[in-house]
Amino acid sequence: MRKILSFLFVFLLLCSCQSREEKVAELIKQEMFKTLYDFESYEPIETKIDSAFTSIYTDSIIKSYAYIARAFLDDVEENLDKIKDDRNTMEIWSDSYSSLGRSKYNEALKNYGERLDKTKRYMEVVNNYMDSIKIISSNFKPEFYGWKASHKFRCKNKGGNFDLGNYIYVFDKKMNSIIYKEDIDDDSNNKIRNIIDEAINSKDEGSANANIEENQNSTADSLVSALKGNI
């Protein structure tokens, strides 16, 4: 009797696993039908299923803060390029005594100061969001919330050439629907992950603003080094 029960248990377990794989394959196929340019060319390569737990990298609040911080950092980097140009213009016209030369120098000096102040304000916003990410992450506790599948596939693009796709799909506990998906090869997702990692590993006080204060009279290249870092 025990052997029969053991056999039935193993059989039901195998059936359950197979059923889960079939559900995953069907849900992903439905998603591909809605999103792919050429669904008929869709070819699954590999799918791995595992338990899904909430993560700081998928938490909606943390990600929204990271997106905002990234957007402000993009503005910072754009300003830094302009600051560098202003600095170069100032150096070109610094020895000029002509009215044109003095006008060019004063205009560049004015733009340099305004953009430097704006950059500092942007970095204050960035640091505030980075601090919030760090606080939320420090109290974050992963919880089981469904199933995930890493899925590799190939399909044709608009040019008729085959592309490889590499996605993560997360399904609800009953595997009735896809509740989250992520393109592993998407650079924008990697940038957001880097922002979150940077926030977690950052010091308690924003060092970027301090660097700006110390380098107000330095070259724009120094400001780029101080602000961009490895982000």
C-alpha atoms as a PDB file:
ATOM      1  CA  MET A   1       0.000   0.000   0.000  1.00  0.00           C
ATOM      2  CA  ARG A   2       2.830   2.390   0.873  1.00  0.00           C
ATOM      3  CA  LYS A   3       4.527   1.669  -2.452  1.00  0.00           C
ATOM      4  CA  ILE A   4       1.306   2.486  -4.279  1.00  0.00           C
ATOM      5  CA  LEU A   5       0.887   5.766  -2.366  1.00  0.00           C
ATOM      6  CA  SER A   6       4.518   6.679  -3.026  1.00  0.00           C
ATOM      7  CA  PHE A   7       4.057   5.976  -6.717  1.00  0.00           C
ATOM      8  CA  LEU A   8       0.875   8.067  -6.836  1.00  0.00           C
ATOM      9  CA  PHE A   9       2.629  10.939  -5.032  1.00  0.00           C
ATOM     10  CA  VAL A  10       5.515  10.933  -7.517  1.00  0.00           C
ATOM     11  CA  PHE A  11       3.086  10.656 -10.434  1.00  0.00           C
ATOM     12  CA  LEU A  12       0.993  13.604  -9.234  1.00  0.00           C
ATOM     13  CA  LEU A  13       4.134  15.633  -8.607  1.00  0.00           C
ATOM     14  CA  LEU A  14       5.375  15.013 -12.138  1.00  0.00           C
ATOM     15  CA  CYS A  15       1.994  15.874 -13.580  1.00  0.00           C
ATOM     16  CA  SER A  16       1.934  19.089 -11.591  1.00  0.00           C
ATOM     17  CA  CYS A  17       5.375  20.112 -12.893  1.00  0.00           C
ATOM     18  CA  GLN A  18       4.379  19.317 -16.454  1.00  0.00           C
ATOM     19  CA  SER A  19       1.174  21.297 -16.054  1.00  0.00           C
ATOM     20  CA  ARG A  20       3.155  24.275 -14.811  1.00  0.00           C
ATOM     21  CA  GLU A  21       5.487  24.104 -17.806  1.00  0.00           C
ATOM     22  CA  GLU A  22       2.548  23.907 -20.179  1.00  0.00           C
ATOM     23  CA  LYS A  23       0.904  26.927 -18.569  1.00  0.00           C
ATOM     24  CA  VAL A  24       4.120  28.901 -18.810  1.00  0.00           C
ATOM     25  CA  ALA A  25       4.590  27.994 -22.451  1.00  0.00           C
ATOM     26  CA  GLU A  26       1.009  28.947 -23.291  1.00  0.00           C
ATOM     27  CA  LEU A  27       1.074  32.283 -21.443  1.00  0.00           C
ATOM     28  CA  ILE A  28       4.388  33.247 -23.033  1.00  0.00           C
ATOM     29  CA  LYS A  29       3.061  32.240 -26.443  1.00  0.00           C
ATOM     30  CA  GLN A  30       0.021  34.469 -25.933  1.00  0.00           C
ATOM     31  CA  GLU A  31       2.286  37.343 -24.934  1.00  0.00           C
ATOM     32  CA  MET A  32       4.456  36.809 -28.001  1.00  0.00           C
ATOM     33  CA  PHE A  33       1.389  36.852 -30.227  1.00  0.00           C
ATOM     34  CA  LYS A  34       0.543  40.331 -28.900  1.00  0.00           C
ATOM     35  CA  THR A  35       4.039  41.807 -29.025  1.00  0.00           C
ATOM     36  CA  LEU A  36       6.153  40.211 -31.760  1.00  0.00           C
ATOM     37  CA  TYR A  37       6.347  41.753 -35.237  1.00  0.00           C
ATOM     38  CA  ASP A  38       6.450  38.317 -36.893  1.00  0.00           C
ATOM     39  CA  PHE A  39       4.800  35.817 -34.560  1.00  0.00           C
ATOM     40  CA  GLU A  40       4.959  33.005 -37.120  1.00  0.00           C
ATOM     41  CA  SER A  41       8.766  33.076 -36.884  1.00  0.00           C
ATOM     42  CA  TYR A  42       8.761  32.695 -33.090  1.00  0.00           C
ATOM     43  CA  GLU A  43      10.940  29.758 -31.958  1.00  0.00           C
ATOM     44  CA  PRO A  44      11.368  28.948 -28.243  1.00  0.00           C
ATOM     45  CA  ILE A  45      14.933  27.972 -27.358  1.00  0.00           C
ATOM     46  CA  GLU A  46      15.028  27.492 -23.606  1.00  0.00           C
ATOM     47  CA  THR A  47      12.708  28.084 -20.644  1.00  0.00           C
ATOM     48  CA  LYS A  48      13.658  27.688 -16.990  1.00  0.00           C
ATOM     49  CA  ILE A  49      11.007  27.916 -14.278  1.00  0.00           C
ATOM     50  CA  ASP A  50      11.618  28.842 -10.660  1.00  0.00           C
ATOM     51  CA  SER A  51       9.915  30.421  -7.659  1.00  0.00           C
ATOM     52  CA  ALA A  52       9.510  34.197  -7.818  1.00  0.00           C
ATOM     53  CA  PHE A  53      10.164  36.444  -4.855  1.00  0.00           C
ATOM     54  CA  THR A  54       9.681  40.168  -4.546  1.00  0.00           C
ATOM     55  CA  SER A  55      12.908  42.044  -5.161  1.00  0.00           C
ATOM     56  CA  ILE A  56      14.286  45.537  -4.778  1.00  0.00           C
ATOM     57  CA  TYR A  57      14.868  45.448  -8.541  1.00  0.00           C
ATOM     58  CA  THR A  58      11.179  44.846  -9.292  1.00  0.00           C
ATOM     59  CA  ASP A  59       9.594  46.833  -6.462  1.00  0.00           C
ATOM     60  CA  SER A  60       7.425  49.528  -8.089  1.00  0.00           C
ATOM     61  CA  ILE A  61       8.343  52.316  -5.642  1.00  0.00           C
ATOM     62  CA  ILE A  62      12.083  51.648  -5.754  1.00  0.00           C
ATOM     63  CA  LYS A  63      12.044  51.428  -9.549  1.00  0.00           C
ATOM     64  CA  SER A  64      10.059  54.652  -9.900  1.00  0.00           C
ATOM     65  CA  TYR A  65      12.589  56.454  -7.689  1.00  0.00           C
ATOM     66  CA  ALA A  66      15.436  54.986  -9.719  1.00  0.00           C
ATOM     67  CA  TYR A  67      13.846  56.133 -12.993  1.00  0.00           C
ATOM     68  CA  ILE A  68      13.487  59.671 -11.646  1.00  0.00           C
ATOM     69  CA  ALA A  69      17.071  59.704 -10.379  1.00  0.00           C
ATOM     70  CA  ARG A  70      18.295  58.416 -13.748  1.00  0.00           C
ATOM     71  CA  ALA A  71      16.356  61.128 -15.595  1.00  0.00           C
ATOM     72  CA  PHE A  72      17.897  63.859 -13.454  1.00  0.00           C
ATOM     73  CA  LEU A  73      21.342  62.322 -13.926  1.00  0.00           C
ATOM     74  CA  ASP A  74      20.828  62.504 -17.682  1.00  0.00           C
ATOM     75  CA  ASP A  75      20.086  66.225 -17.261  1.00  0.00           C
ATOM     76  CA  VAL A  76      23.189  66.567 -15.097  1.00  0.00           C
ATOM     77  CA  GLU A  77      25.389  64.967 -17.749  1.00  0.00           C
ATOM     78  CA  GLU A  78      23.889  67.179 -20.446  1.00  0.00           C
ATOM     79  CA  ASN A  79      24.588  70.256 -18.322  1.00  0.00           C
ATOM     80  CA  LEU A  80      28.135  69.126 -17.659  1.00  0.00           C
ATOM     81  CA  ASP A  81      28.841  68.945 -21.374  1.00  0.00           C
ATOM     82  CA  LYS A  82      27.551  72.509 -21.746  1.00  0.00           C
ATOM     83  CA  ILE A  83      29.582  73.637 -18.724  1.00  0.00           C
ATOM     84  CA  LYS A  84      32.678  72.227 -20.374  1.00  0.00           C
ATOM     85  CA  ASP A  85      31.917  74.223 -23.521  1.00  0.00           C
ATOM     86  CA  ASP A  86      31.379  77.384 -21.437  1.00  0.00           C
ATOM     87  CA  ARG A  87      34.714  76.848 -19.729  1.00  0.00           C
ATOM     88  CA  ASN A  88      36.472  76.414 -23.054  1.00  0.00           C
ATOM     89  CA  THR A  89      34.856  79.590 -24.387  1.00  0.00           C
ATOM     90  CA  MET A  90      35.991  81.499 -21.303  1.00  0.00           C
ATOM     91  CA  GLU A  91      39.553  80.292 -21.813  1.00  0.00           C
ATOM     92  CA  ILE A  92      39.506  81.314 -25.475  1.00  0.00           C
ATOM     93  CA  TRP A  93      38.316  84.879 -24.778  1.00  0.00           C
ATOM     94  CA  SER A  94      39.930  85.465 -21.375  1.00  0.00           C
ATOM     95  CA  ASP A  95      42.821  87.512 -22.790  1.00  0.00           C
ATOM     96  CA  SER A  96      40.727  89.494 -25.255  1.00  0.00           C
ATOM     97  CA  TYR A  97      40.305  93.259 -24.827  1.00  0.00           C
ATOM     98  CA  SER A  98      37.889  93.741 -27.714  1.00  0.00           C
ATOM     99  CA  SER A  99      34.215  94.387 -27.081  1.00  0.00           C
ATOM    100  CA  LEU A 100      33.350  91.169 -28.918  1.00  0.00           C
ATOM    101  CA  GLY A 101      35.815  89.181 -26.847  1.00  0.00           C
ATOM    102  CA  ARG A 102      34.610  90.584 -23.541  1.00  0.00           C
ATOM    103  CA  SER A 103      31.005  89.962 -24.588  1.00  0.00           C
ATOM    104  CA  LYS A 104      31.768  86.337 -25.443  1.00  0.00           C
ATOM    105  CA  TYR A 105      33.631  85.841 -22.169  1.00  0.00           C
ATOM    106  CA  ASN A 106      30.887  87.409 -20.020  1.00  0.00           C
ATOM    107  CA  GLU A 107      28.173  85.411 -21.750  1.00  0.00           C
ATOM    108  CA  ALA A 108      30.077  82.168 -21.189  1.00  0.00           C
ATOM    109  CA  LEU A 109      30.763  83.120 -17.565  1.00  0.00           C
ATOM    110  CA  LYS A 110      27.061  83.814 -16.977  1.00  0.00           C
ATOM    111  CA  ASN A 111      26.013  80.521 -18.570  1.00  0.00           C
ATOM    112  CA  TYR A 112      28.713  78.670 -16.627  1.00  0.00           C
ATOM    113  CA  GLY A 113      27.432  79.952 -13.270  1.00  0.00           C
ATOM    114  CA  GLU A 114      23.758  79.334 -14.065  1.00  0.00           C
ATOM    115  CA  ARG A 115      24.387  75.817 -15.321  1.00  0.00           C
ATOM    116  CA  LEU A 116      26.601  75.015 -12.377  1.00  0.00           C
ATOM    117  CA  ASP A 117      23.856  76.087  -9.962  1.00  0.00           C
ATOM    118  CA  LYS A 118      21.266  74.103 -11.905  1.00  0.00           C
ATOM    119  CA  THR A 119      23.498  71.027 -11.840  1.00  0.00           C
ATOM    120  CA  LYS A 120      23.877  71.296  -8.087  1.00  0.00           C
ATOM    121  CA  ARG A 121      20.085  71.501  -7.665  1.00  0.00           C
ATOM    122  CA  TYR A 122      19.626  68.472  -9.898  1.00  0.00           C
ATOM    123  CA  MET A 123      22.159  66.522  -7.860  1.00  0.00           C
ATOM    124  CA  GLU A 124      20.309  67.402  -4.662  1.00  0.00           C
ATOM    125  CA  VAL A 125      17.194  65.818  -6.168  1.00  0.00           C
ATOM    126  CA  VAL A 126      19.195  62.774  -7.250  1.00  0.00           C
ATOM    127  CA  ASN A 127      20.698  62.348  -3.781  1.00  0.00           C
ATOM    128  CA  ASN A 128      17.272  62.611  -2.145  1.00  0.00           C
ATOM    129  CA  TYR A 129      15.875  59.835  -4.321  1.00  0.00           C
ATOM    130  CA  MET A 130      19.005  57.727  -3.865  1.00  0.00           C
ATOM    131  CA  ASP A 131      18.655  58.097  -0.079  1.00  0.00           C
ATOM    132  CA  SER A 132      15.007  57.014  -0.302  1.00  0.00           C
ATOM    133  CA  ILE A 133      15.983  53.959  -2.349  1.00  0.00           C
ATOM    134  CA  LYS A 134      18.598  53.044   0.245  1.00  0.00           C
ATOM    135  CA  ILE A 135      16.143  53.374   3.150  1.00  0.00           C
ATOM    136  CA  ILE A 136      13.427  51.318   1.459  1.00  0.00           C
ATOM    137  CA  SER A 137      15.925  48.669   0.361  1.00  0.00           C
ATOM    138  CA  SER A 138      17.364  48.318   3.856  1.00  0.00           C
ATOM    139  CA  ASN A 139      13.909  47.377   5.189  1.00  0.00           C
ATOM    140  CA  PHE A 140      12.923  45.232   2.224  1.00  0.00           C
ATOM    141  CA  LYS A 141      12.003  41.594   2.866  1.00  0.00           C
ATOM    142  CA  PRO A 142      11.555  39.271  -0.137  1.00  0.00           C
ATOM    143  CA  GLU A 143       8.259  37.389  -0.250  1.00  0.00           C
ATOM    144  CA  PHE A 144       7.046  34.600  -2.501  1.00  0.00           C
ATOM    145  CA  TYR A 145       4.553  36.013  -4.978  1.00  0.00           C
ATOM    146  CA  GLY A 146       4.416  33.589  -7.872  1.00  0.00           C
ATOM    147  CA  TRP A 147       6.571  31.893 -10.450  1.00  0.00           C
ATOM    148  CA  LYS A 148       9.181  33.165 -12.867  1.00  0.00           C
ATOM    149  CA  ALA A 149      10.524  31.859 -16.129  1.00  0.00           C
ATOM    150  CA  SER A 150      13.696  32.855 -17.920  1.00  0.00           C
ATOM    151  CA  HIS A 151      12.868  32.439 -21.582  1.00  0.00           C
ATOM    152  CA  LYS A 152      15.192  32.493 -24.586  1.00  0.00           C
ATOM    153  CA  PHE A 153      13.782  32.561 -28.091  1.00  0.00           C
ATOM    154  CA  ARG A 154      14.448  33.679 -31.652  1.00  0.00           C
ATOM    155  CA  CYS A 155      12.179  35.531 -34.060  1.00  0.00           C
ATOM    156  CA  LYS A 156      12.386  37.665 -37.173  1.00  0.00           C
ATOM    157  CA  ASN A 157      12.594  41.447 -36.939  1.00  0.00           C
ATOM    158  CA  LYS A 158      11.152  43.966 -39.408  1.00  0.00           C
ATOM    159  CA  GLY A 159      14.142  43.449 -41.664  1.00  0.00           C
ATOM    160  CA  GLY A 160      13.449  39.734 -41.916  1.00  0.00           C
ATOM    161  CA  ASN A 161      16.537  38.763 -39.926  1.00  0.00           C
ATOM    162  CA  PHE A 162      16.443  36.567 -36.860  1.00  0.00           C
ATOM    163  CA  ASP A 163      17.020  38.197 -33.471  1.00  0.00           C
ATOM    164  CA  LEU A 164      17.588  36.448 -30.153  1.00  0.00           C
ATOM    165  CA  GLY A 165      15.398  37.412 -27.198  1.00  0.00           C
ATOM    166  CA  ASN A 166      16.150  36.884 -23.533  1.00  0.00           C
ATOM    167  CA  TYR A 167      13.294  37.699 -21.159  1.00  0.00           C
ATOM    168  CA  ILE A 168      12.167  37.058 -17.605  1.00  0.00           C
ATOM    169  CA  TYR A 169       8.449  36.537 -17.039  1.00  0.00           C
ATOM    170  CA  VAL A 170       6.770  36.476 -13.652  1.00  0.00           C
ATOM    171  CA  PHE A 171       3.392  34.762 -13.204  1.00  0.00           C
ATOM    172  CA  ASP A 172       0.871  34.949 -10.375  1.00  0.00           C
ATOM    173  CA  LYS A 173       0.714  32.135  -7.851  1.00  0.00           C
ATOM    174  CA  LYS A 174      -2.022  30.299  -9.767  1.00  0.00           C
ATOM    175  CA  MET A 175      -0.225  30.908 -13.058  1.00  0.00           C
ATOM    176  CA  ASN A 176      -3.239  32.546 -14.639  1.00  0.00           C
ATOM    177  CA  SER A 177      -1.433  35.593 -16.012  1.00  0.00           C
ATOM    178  CA  ILE A 178       1.888  37.365 -16.503  1.00  0.00           C
ATOM    179  CA  ILE A 179       2.307  40.075 -13.888  1.00  0.00           C
ATOM    180  CA  TYR A 180       5.795  41.268 -14.810  1.00  0.00           C
ATOM    181  CA  LYS A 181       8.267  40.937 -17.654  1.00  0.00           C
ATOM    182  CA  GLU A 182      11.774  42.209 -18.263  1.00  0.00           C
ATOM    183  CA  ASP A 183      14.104  42.224 -21.231  1.00  0.00           C
ATOM    184  CA  ILE A 184      17.413  41.067 -19.748  1.00  0.00           C
ATOM    185  CA  ASP A 185      19.380  42.590 -22.633  1.00  0.00           C
ATOM    186  CA  ASP A 186      17.711  46.013 -22.379  1.00  0.00           C
ATOM    187  CA  ASP A 187      20.329  48.623 -21.456  1.00  0.00           C
ATOM    188  CA  SER A 188      17.734  50.865 -19.793  1.00  0.00           C
ATOM    189  CA  ASN A 189      16.880  48.104 -17.317  1.00  0.00           C
ATOM    190  CA  ASN A 190      20.569  47.622 -16.590  1.00  0.00           C
ATOM    191  CA  LYS A 191      20.949  51.359 -15.937  1.00  0.00           C
ATOM    192  CA  ILE A 192      18.100  51.258 -13.429  1.00  0.00           C
ATOM    193  CA  ARG A 193      19.705  48.290 -11.684  1.00  0.00           C
ATOM    194  CA  ASN A 194      22.969  50.221 -11.536  1.00  0.00           C
ATOM    195  CA  ILE A 195      21.187  53.192  -9.972  1.00  0.00           C
ATOM    196  CA  ILE A 196      19.676  50.942  -7.288  1.00  0.00           C
ATOM    197  CA  ASP A 197      23.044  49.302  -6.615  1.00  0.00           C
ATOM    198  CA  GLU A 198      24.692  52.712  -6.431  1.00  0.00           C
ATOM    199  CA  ALA A 199      22.079  53.900  -3.934  1.00  0.00           C
ATOM    200  CA  ILE A 200      22.506  50.833  -1.722  1.00  0.00           C
ATOM    201  CA  ASN A 201      26.291  51.152  -1.679  1.00  0.00           C
ATOM    202  CA  SER A 202      26.381  54.939  -1.367  1.00  0.00           C
ATOM    203  CA  LYS A 203      27.475  56.855   1.716  1.00  0.00           C
ATOM    204  CA  ASP A 204      24.865  58.437   3.957  1.00  0.00           C
ATOM    205  CA  GLU A 205      25.638  61.914   2.714  1.00  0.00           C
ATOM    206  CA  GLY A 206      25.691  62.833  -0.948  1.00  0.00           C
ATOM    207  CA  SER A 207      29.296  63.213  -1.927  1.00  0.00           C
ATOM    208  CA  ALA A 208      28.499  64.541  -5.377  1.00  0.00           C
ATOM    209  CA  ASN A 209      27.246  67.896  -4.095  1.00  0.00           C
ATOM    210  CA  ALA A 210      30.270  68.264  -1.858  1.00  0.00           C
ATOM    211  CA  ASN A 211      32.521  67.666  -4.819  1.00  0.00           C
ATOM    212  CA  ILE A 212      30.734  70.363  -6.761  1.00  0.00           C
ATOM    213  CA  GLU A 213      31.139  72.845  -3.907  1.00  0.00           C
ATOM    214  CA  GLU A 214      34.850  72.124  -3.751  1.00  0.00           C
ATOM    215  CA  ASN A 215      35.316  72.409  -7.490  1.00  0.00           C
ATOM    216  CA  GLN A 216      33.263  75.456  -8.395  1.00  0.00           C
ATOM    217  CA  ASN A 217      36.367  77.105  -9.836  1.00  0.00           C
ATOM    218  CA  SER A 218      37.818  73.949 -11.404  1.00  0.00           C
ATOM    219  CA  THR A 219      37.406  72.777 -14.955  1.00  0.00           C
ATOM    220  CA  ALA A 220      34.248  71.116 -16.245  1.00  0.00           C
ATOM    221  CA  ASP A 221      36.241  67.914 -16.676  1.00  0.00           C
ATOM    222  CA  SER A 222      36.675  67.748 -12.904  1.00  0.00           C
ATOM    223  CA  LEU A 223      32.946  68.174 -12.456  1.00  0.00           C
ATOM    224  CA  VAL A 224      32.288  65.354 -14.873  1.00  0.00           C
ATOM    225  CA  SER A 225      34.589  63.101 -12.854  1.00  0.00           C
ATOM    226  CA  ALA A 226      32.930  64.136  -9.585  1.00  0.00           C
ATOM    227  CA  LEU A 227      29.344  63.693 -10.713  1.00  0.00           C
ATOM    228  CA  LYS A 228      29.302  60.894 -13.236  1.00  0.00           C
ATOM    229  CA  GLY A 229      31.455  58.421 -11.351  1.00  0.00           C
ATOM    230  CA  ASN A 230      30.504  54.917 -12.461  1.00  0.00           C
ATOM    231  CA  ILE A 231      26.794  55.542 -12.868  1.00  0.00           C
END
